[in-house]
Amino acid sequence: MAARRSAAKARFHERPRHSIYEAKTHLSRLVDACETGREFVITRNGRPVAKLVPLPARPRPVFGDLKGRIKIKMKDVRGPLPEDIFNVFKE
């Protein structure tokens, strides 16, 4: 258990470290690098206080994914539009 903890601690300290001042000054560069998969540790007075990591990629929605999950009640869409709404589309 102690070996596992020390291995995790060693990996944590292997990440590039930046002080809060450096992180504020170069935040856009750090975020750009983070988008490529890099991780950074942000320190205050030499102590690690935060970690900047990339977010996991979200899958793109696929056409038809919601088929069968959305129900439209026909009574809600039947009949003509009210006159004021119809005129907005007519213009």
Protein backbone atom coordinates (compact mmCIF):
# COMPACT_ATOMS: atom_id res chain seq x y z
CA MET A 1 0.00 0.00 0.00
CA ALA A 2 2.82 2.39 0.89
CA ALA A 3 4.61 1.52 -2.37
CA ARG A 4 1.46 2.34 -4.35
CA ARG A 5 1.15 5.69 -2.56
CA SER A 6 4.78 6.60 -3.20
CA ALA A 7 4.45 5.63 -6.90
CA ALA A 8 1.40 7.88 -7.24
CA LYS A 9 3.23 10.67 -5.44
CA ALA A 10 6.23 10.26 -7.77
CA ARG A 11 3.96 10.49 -10.86
CA PHE A 12 2.35 13.63 -9.40
CA HIS A 13 5.75 15.28 -8.99
CA GLU A 14 6.88 14.28 -12.52
CA ARG A 15 4.34 16.63 -14.10
CA PRO A 16 5.59 20.07 -15.11
CA ARG A 17 5.09 22.55 -12.27
CA HIS A 18 4.12 26.20 -12.56
CA SER A 19 3.63 28.78 -9.86
CA ILE A 20 0.27 30.52 -9.63
CA TYR A 21 1.88 33.67 -11.07
CA GLU A 22 3.26 31.73 -14.07
CA ALA A 23 -0.08 29.96 -14.57
CA LYS A 24 -1.96 33.29 -14.59
CA THR A 25 0.54 34.85 -16.96
CA HIS A 26 0.58 31.93 -19.42
CA LEU A 27 -2.87 30.40 -18.89
CA SER A 28 -3.81 30.36 -22.58
CA ARG A 29 -0.54 28.55 -23.45
CA LEU A 30 -1.09 26.02 -20.67
CA VAL A 31 -4.66 25.38 -21.83
CA ASP A 32 -3.44 24.92 -25.43
CA ALA A 33 -0.87 22.39 -24.21
CA CYS A 34 -3.52 20.76 -22.05
CA GLU A 35 -5.68 20.22 -25.15
CA THR A 36 -2.90 18.06 -26.57
CA GLY A 37 -3.02 15.81 -23.50
CA ARG A 38 -0.40 17.36 -21.20
CA GLU A 39 -1.02 17.81 -17.48
CA PHE A 40 0.38 20.51 -15.22
CA VAL A 41 0.70 21.05 -11.49
CA ILE A 42 0.12 24.55 -10.14
CA THR A 43 2.03 25.45 -6.99
CA ARG A 44 1.77 28.08 -4.27
CA ASN A 45 5.01 28.73 -2.41
CA GLY A 46 6.44 25.54 -3.91
CA ARG A 47 3.56 23.34 -2.67
CA PRO A 48 1.27 21.66 -5.22
CA VAL A 49 -2.25 23.08 -4.85
CA ALA A 50 -3.99 22.33 -8.16
CA LYS A 51 -3.73 20.20 -11.26
CA LEU A 52 -4.61 21.32 -14.79
CA VAL A 53 -5.71 18.28 -16.82
CA PRO A 54 -7.45 17.83 -20.18
CA LEU A 55 -11.14 16.98 -20.13
CA PRO A 56 -12.15 13.65 -21.64
CA ALA A 57 -13.39 13.97 -25.21
CA ARG A 58 -17.16 14.02 -25.55
CA PRO A 59 -18.55 11.85 -28.33
CA ARG A 60 -20.20 13.79 -31.13
CA PRO A 61 -23.96 13.34 -31.33
CA VAL A 62 -25.08 11.01 -34.10
CA PHE A 63 -28.18 11.71 -36.13
CA GLY A 64 -30.92 9.41 -34.88
CA ASP A 65 -29.48 8.85 -31.38
CA LEU A 66 -32.69 10.07 -29.75
CA LYS A 67 -35.01 7.94 -31.89
CA GLY A 68 -37.65 6.44 -29.66
CA ARG A 69 -36.69 8.58 -26.66
CA ILE A 70 -38.70 11.70 -27.51
CA LYS A 71 -42.48 11.58 -27.72
CA ILE A 72 -44.54 14.38 -29.29
CA LYS A 73 -48.20 14.47 -28.42
CA MET A 74 -50.12 15.02 -31.61
CA LYS A 75 -52.70 17.27 -29.95
CA ASP A 76 -49.87 19.76 -29.34
CA VAL A 77 -49.02 20.14 -33.05
CA ARG A 78 -52.41 19.80 -34.74
CA GLY A 79 -54.36 22.71 -36.12
CA PRO A 80 -53.44 26.06 -37.60
CA LEU A 81 -51.04 28.46 -35.96
CA PRO A 82 -52.48 31.43 -34.11
CA GLU A 83 -52.75 34.49 -36.40
CA ASP A 84 -50.00 36.51 -34.66
CA ILE A 85 -47.46 33.67 -34.89
CA PHE A 86 -48.45 32.91 -38.49
CA ASN A 87 -47.82 36.55 -39.46
CA VAL A 88 -44.25 36.42 -38.05
CA PHE A 89 -43.38 33.59 -40.46
CA LYS A 90 -45.28 35.18 -43.33
CA GLU A 91 -43.13 38.36 -43.32
